């Protein structure tokens, strides 16, 4: 696993690097969130604009549709569109679809908890306590980061 050190809200936190699937999913969702007309967007347009291999994107969009984040319309004028408002789709939710737990060790994972074999007592384990705090701060930051936030940041960075 590759680990990144990042600053979030003035705090240094550790974060596992995103898989390509998660990264591409976020790019595709941001593309759809930028679509102010709210019309379906054809997969070829998303793939070309975001530089995502089309076959890879097809599987990613299917996962997002199955997760209830977006939907598709077939036929003329068809394509993909968000089911929820961009303010309602946060990065923690998207990352969990592709990368599972947002935790560096299994004993601190919330939705994917597993007890560590080498740990005698989690309640007094300093390692557990440090990585639990890292997970909590990471999840908090990711839950606050929505598609709308990303689109707004792009707009302000272009000024």
C-alpha atoms as a PDB file:
ATOM      1  CA  UNK A   1       0.000   0.000   0.000  1.00  0.00           C
ATOM      2  CA  UNK A   2       1.277   3.458  -0.888  1.00  0.00           C
ATOM      3  CA  UNK A   3       0.802   6.098   1.785  1.00  0.00           C
ATOM      4  CA  UNK A   4       0.557   9.840   1.249  1.00  0.00           C
ATOM      5  CA  UNK A   5       1.058  12.586   3.798  1.00  0.00           C
ATOM      6  CA  UNK A   6      -1.472  15.351   3.237  1.00  0.00           C
ATOM      7  CA  UNK A   7      -2.602  18.496   4.993  1.00  0.00           C
ATOM      8  CA  UNK A   8      -6.322  18.812   5.644  1.00  0.00           C
ATOM      9  CA  UNK A   9      -7.643  21.788   7.559  1.00  0.00           C
ATOM     10  CA  UNK A  10      -4.187  22.478   8.954  1.00  0.00           C
ATOM     11  CA  UNK A  11      -3.627  18.899  10.138  1.00  0.00           C
ATOM     12  CA  UNK A  12      -1.076  16.485   8.705  1.00  0.00           C
ATOM     13  CA  UNK A  13      -2.771  13.155   8.047  1.00  0.00           C
ATOM     14  CA  UNK A  14      -1.789   9.877   6.446  1.00  0.00           C
ATOM     15  CA  UNK A  15      -3.896   8.595   3.605  1.00  0.00           C
ATOM     16  CA  UNK A  16      -3.638   5.560   1.362  1.00  0.00           C
ATOM     17  CA  UNK A  17      -3.294   6.490  -2.295  1.00  0.00           C
ATOM     18  CA  UNK A  18      -6.477   6.127  -4.285  1.00  0.00           C
ATOM     19  CA  UNK A  19      -6.852   3.324  -6.785  1.00  0.00           C
ATOM     20  CA  UNK A  20      -7.178   4.319 -10.438  1.00  0.00           C
ATOM     21  CA  UNK A  21     -10.810   3.212 -10.320  1.00  0.00           C
ATOM     22  CA  UNK A  22     -11.582   5.582  -7.422  1.00  0.00           C
ATOM     23  CA  UNK A  23      -9.668   8.429  -9.044  1.00  0.00           C
ATOM     24  CA  UNK A  24     -11.406   7.934 -12.403  1.00  0.00           C
ATOM     25  CA  UNK A  25     -14.782   7.683 -10.664  1.00  0.00           C
ATOM     26  CA  UNK A  26     -14.216  11.033  -8.961  1.00  0.00           C
ATOM     27  CA  UNK A  27     -13.177  12.621 -12.270  1.00  0.00           C
ATOM     28  CA  UNK A  28     -16.285  11.260 -14.014  1.00  0.00           C
ATOM     29  CA  UNK A  29     -18.572  12.419 -11.203  1.00  0.00           C
ATOM     30  CA  UNK A  30     -17.035  15.898 -11.175  1.00  0.00           C
ATOM     31  CA  UNK A  31     -17.562  16.053 -14.939  1.00  0.00           C
ATOM     32  CA  UNK A  32     -21.248  15.251 -14.420  1.00  0.00           C
ATOM     33  CA  UNK A  33     -21.484  17.740 -11.520  1.00  0.00           C
ATOM     34  CA  UNK A  34     -20.164  20.495 -13.821  1.00  0.00           C
ATOM     35  CA  UNK A  35     -23.041  19.804 -16.211  1.00  0.00           C
ATOM     36  CA  UNK A  36     -25.290  22.724 -15.320  1.00  0.00           C
ATOM     37  CA  UNK A  37     -27.903  21.716 -17.912  1.00  0.00           C
ATOM     38  CA  UNK A  38     -28.359  18.462 -15.965  1.00  0.00           C
ATOM     39  CA  UNK A  39     -28.796  16.621 -19.274  1.00  0.00           C
ATOM     40  CA  UNK A  40     -27.426  13.092 -19.691  1.00  0.00           C
ATOM     41  CA  UNK A  41     -23.802  13.041 -20.838  1.00  0.00           C
ATOM     42  CA  UNK A  42     -22.622  10.390 -23.277  1.00  0.00           C
ATOM     43  CA  UNK A  43     -19.883   8.092 -22.009  1.00  0.00           C
ATOM     44  CA  UNK A  44     -17.605   8.982 -24.951  1.00  0.00           C
ATOM     45  CA  UNK A  45     -17.711  12.656 -23.959  1.00  0.00           C
ATOM     46  CA  UNK A  46     -16.763  11.861 -20.340  1.00  0.00           C
ATOM     47  CA  UNK A  47     -13.994   9.473 -21.419  1.00  0.00           C
ATOM     48  CA  UNK A  48     -12.460  11.968 -23.843  1.00  0.00           C
ATOM     49  CA  UNK A  49     -12.786  15.015 -21.613  1.00  0.00           C
ATOM     50  CA  UNK A  50     -11.432  13.300 -18.491  1.00  0.00           C
ATOM     51  CA  UNK A  51      -8.877  11.101 -20.316  1.00  0.00           C
ATOM     52  CA  UNK A  52     -10.307   7.853 -18.980  1.00  0.00           C
ATOM     53  CA  UNK A  53     -10.165   4.670 -21.082  1.00  0.00           C
ATOM     54  CA  UNK A  54     -13.743   4.054 -22.261  1.00  0.00           C
ATOM     55  CA  UNK A  55     -13.924   0.349 -21.340  1.00  0.00           C
ATOM     56  CA  UNK A  56     -12.619   1.146 -17.857  1.00  0.00           C
ATOM     57  CA  UNK A  57     -15.115   4.018 -17.552  1.00  0.00           C
ATOM     58  CA  UNK A  58     -18.047   1.773 -18.517  1.00  0.00           C
ATOM     59  CA  UNK A  59     -17.373  -0.500 -15.531  1.00  0.00           C
ATOM     60  CA  UNK A  60     -16.864   2.478 -13.210  1.00  0.00           C
ATOM     61  CA  UNK A  61     -20.129   4.141 -14.233  1.00  0.00           C
ATOM     62  CA  UNK A  62     -21.983   0.861 -13.786  1.00  0.00           C
ATOM     63  CA  UNK A  63     -20.645   0.619 -10.216  1.00  0.00           C
ATOM     64  CA  UNK A  64     -21.772   4.198  -9.526  1.00  0.00           C
ATOM     65  CA  UNK A  65     -25.205   3.459 -10.979  1.00  0.00           C
ATOM     66  CA  UNK A  66     -25.505   0.338  -8.818  1.00  0.00           C
ATOM     67  CA  UNK A  67     -24.520   2.452  -5.786  1.00  0.00           C
ATOM     68  CA  UNK A  68     -27.393   4.878  -6.501  1.00  0.00           C
ATOM     69  CA  UNK A  69     -25.169   7.863  -7.254  1.00  0.00           C
ATOM     70  CA  UNK A  70     -25.999   8.182 -10.921  1.00  0.00           C
ATOM     71  CA  UNK A  71     -28.334   6.793 -13.532  1.00  0.00           C
ATOM     72  CA  UNK A  72     -28.383   6.406 -17.285  1.00  0.00           C
ATOM     73  CA  UNK A  73     -30.807   6.939 -20.098  1.00  0.00           C
ATOM     74  CA  UNK A  74     -30.636   4.880 -23.293  1.00  0.00           C
ATOM     75  CA  UNK A  75     -31.200   5.988 -26.850  1.00  0.00           C
ATOM     76  CA  UNK A  76     -30.973   9.354 -28.557  1.00  0.00           C
ATOM     77  CA  UNK A  77     -30.074  12.022 -26.030  1.00  0.00           C
ATOM     78  CA  UNK A  78     -29.060   9.308 -23.599  1.00  0.00           C
ATOM     79  CA  UNK A  79     -26.094   9.120 -21.303  1.00  0.00           C
ATOM     80  CA  UNK A  80     -25.264   9.347 -17.623  1.00  0.00           C
ATOM     81  CA  UNK A  81     -26.511  11.871 -15.073  1.00  0.00           C
ATOM     82  CA  UNK A  82     -26.333  12.362 -11.311  1.00  0.00           C
ATOM     83  CA  UNK A  83     -29.263  11.027  -9.296  1.00  0.00           C
ATOM     84  CA  UNK A  84     -28.378  13.220  -6.347  1.00  0.00           C
ATOM     85  CA  UNK A  85     -27.339  16.817  -6.087  1.00  0.00           C
ATOM     86  CA  UNK A  86     -23.559  17.404  -6.121  1.00  0.00           C
ATOM     87  CA  UNK A  87     -23.805  18.643  -2.504  1.00  0.00           C
ATOM     88  CA  UNK A  88     -25.056  15.200  -1.479  1.00  0.00           C
ATOM     89  CA  UNK A  89     -22.202  13.108  -2.902  1.00  0.00           C
ATOM     90  CA  UNK A  90     -19.112  13.058  -0.683  1.00  0.00           C
ATOM     91  CA  UNK A  91     -15.676  11.632  -1.336  1.00  0.00           C
ATOM     92  CA  UNK A  92     -15.805   9.101   1.511  1.00  0.00           C
ATOM     93  CA  UNK A  93     -18.790   7.402  -0.119  1.00  0.00           C
ATOM     94  CA  UNK A  94     -17.139   7.256  -3.544  1.00  0.00           C
ATOM     95  CA  UNK A  95     -13.798   6.024  -2.239  1.00  0.00           C
ATOM     96  CA  UNK A  96     -15.440   3.242  -0.226  1.00  0.00           C
ATOM     97  CA  UNK A  97     -17.135   1.904  -3.370  1.00  0.00           C
ATOM     98  CA  UNK A  98     -13.769   1.249  -5.018  1.00  0.00           C
ATOM     99  CA  UNK A  99     -11.165   1.037  -2.282  1.00  0.00           C
ATOM    100  CA  UNK A 100     -13.133  -0.276   0.681  1.00  0.00           C
ATOM    101  CA  UNK A 101     -12.026   0.804   4.127  1.00  0.00           C
ATOM    102  CA  UNK A 102     -10.708   4.294   4.773  1.00  0.00           C
ATOM    103  CA  UNK A 103      -8.221   3.021   7.316  1.00  0.00           C
ATOM    104  CA  UNK A 104      -4.565   2.081   7.319  1.00  0.00           C
ATOM    105  CA  UNK A 105      -4.974  -0.902   9.634  1.00  0.00           C
ATOM    106  CA  UNK A 106      -7.999  -3.208   9.831  1.00  0.00           C
ATOM    107  CA  UNK A 107      -8.713  -2.796  13.550  1.00  0.00           C
ATOM    108  CA  UNK A 108      -9.682   0.863  13.095  1.00  0.00           C
ATOM    109  CA  UNK A 109     -11.884   0.404  10.020  1.00  0.00           C
ATOM    110  CA  UNK A 110     -15.504   1.307  10.677  1.00  0.00           C
ATOM    111  CA  UNK A 111     -17.342  -0.582   7.943  1.00  0.00           C
ATOM    112  CA  UNK A 112     -14.628  -3.196   7.325  1.00  0.00           C
ATOM    113  CA  UNK A 113     -13.399  -3.897  10.865  1.00  0.00           C
ATOM    114  CA  UNK A 114     -11.109  -6.860  11.507  1.00  0.00           C
ATOM    115  CA  UNK A 115      -9.296  -7.577  14.732  1.00  0.00           C
ATOM    116  CA  UNK A 116      -5.487  -7.533  14.419  1.00  0.00           C
ATOM    117  CA  UNK A 117      -3.957 -10.921  15.222  1.00  0.00           C
ATOM    118  CA  UNK A 118      -0.975  -9.412  17.034  1.00  0.00           C
ATOM    119  CA  UNK A 119      -3.004  -7.084  19.255  1.00  0.00           C
ATOM    120  CA  UNK A 120      -3.608  -8.173  22.848  1.00  0.00           C
ATOM    121  CA  UNK A 121      -5.990  -5.368  23.897  1.00  0.00           C
ATOM    122  CA  UNK A 122      -7.281  -2.704  21.489  1.00  0.00           C
ATOM    123  CA  UNK A 123      -8.394  -0.441  24.344  1.00  0.00           C
ATOM    124  CA  UNK A 124      -4.796  -0.011  25.552  1.00  0.00           C
ATOM    125  CA  UNK A 125      -3.002  -0.320  22.203  1.00  0.00           C
ATOM    126  CA  UNK A 126      -1.176   2.909  21.299  1.00  0.00           C
ATOM    127  CA  UNK A 127      -0.903   1.874  17.654  1.00  0.00           C
ATOM    128  CA  UNK A 128      -4.661   1.359  17.457  1.00  0.00           C
ATOM    129  CA  UNK A 129      -5.288   4.717  19.112  1.00  0.00           C
ATOM    130  CA  UNK A 130      -3.008   6.685  16.745  1.00  0.00           C
ATOM    131  CA  UNK A 131      -4.411   5.084  13.600  1.00  0.00           C
ATOM    132  CA  UNK A 132      -7.995   5.429  14.828  1.00  0.00           C
ATOM    133  CA  UNK A 133      -7.411   9.172  15.132  1.00  0.00           C
ATOM    134  CA  UNK A 134      -5.873   9.294  11.640  1.00  0.00           C
ATOM    135  CA  UNK A 135      -8.892   7.421  10.256  1.00  0.00           C
ATOM    136  CA  UNK A 136     -11.367   9.714  12.019  1.00  0.00           C
ATOM    137  CA  UNK A 137      -9.718  12.879  10.680  1.00  0.00           C
ATOM    138  CA  UNK A 138      -9.438  11.435   7.193  1.00  0.00           C
ATOM    139  CA  UNK A 139     -13.071  10.309   7.090  1.00  0.00           C
ATOM    140  CA  UNK A 140     -14.236  13.647   8.498  1.00  0.00           C
ATOM    141  CA  UNK A 141     -12.352  15.547   5.785  1.00  0.00           C
ATOM    142  CA  UNK A 142     -13.607  13.243   3.023  1.00  0.00           C
ATOM    143  CA  UNK A 143     -17.228  13.442   4.209  1.00  0.00           C
ATOM    144  CA  UNK A 144     -17.026  17.246   4.140  1.00  0.00           C
ATOM    145  CA  UNK A 145     -15.656  17.173   0.585  1.00  0.00           C
ATOM    146  CA  UNK A 146     -18.481  16.908  -1.923  1.00  0.00           C
ATOM    147  CA  UNK A 147     -18.718  17.080  -5.690  1.00  0.00           C
ATOM    148  CA  UNK A 148     -20.082  20.613  -5.302  1.00  0.00           C
ATOM    149  CA  UNK A 149     -17.027  21.586  -3.245  1.00  0.00           C
ATOM    150  CA  UNK A 150     -14.691  20.298  -5.934  1.00  0.00           C
ATOM    151  CA  UNK A 151     -16.542  22.175  -8.689  1.00  0.00           C
ATOM    152  CA  UNK A 152     -16.507  25.356  -6.576  1.00  0.00           C
ATOM    153  CA  UNK A 153     -12.775  24.981  -5.923  1.00  0.00           C
ATOM    154  CA  UNK A 154     -12.105  24.567  -9.631  1.00  0.00           C
ATOM    155  CA  UNK A 155     -14.010  27.776 -10.332  1.00  0.00           C
ATOM    156  CA  UNK A 156     -12.146  29.741  -7.656  1.00  0.00           C
ATOM    157  CA  UNK A 157      -8.749  28.379  -8.768  1.00  0.00           C
ATOM    158  CA  UNK A 158      -9.412  29.503 -12.346  1.00  0.00           C
ATOM    159  CA  UNK A 159     -10.006  33.114 -11.315  1.00  0.00           C
END
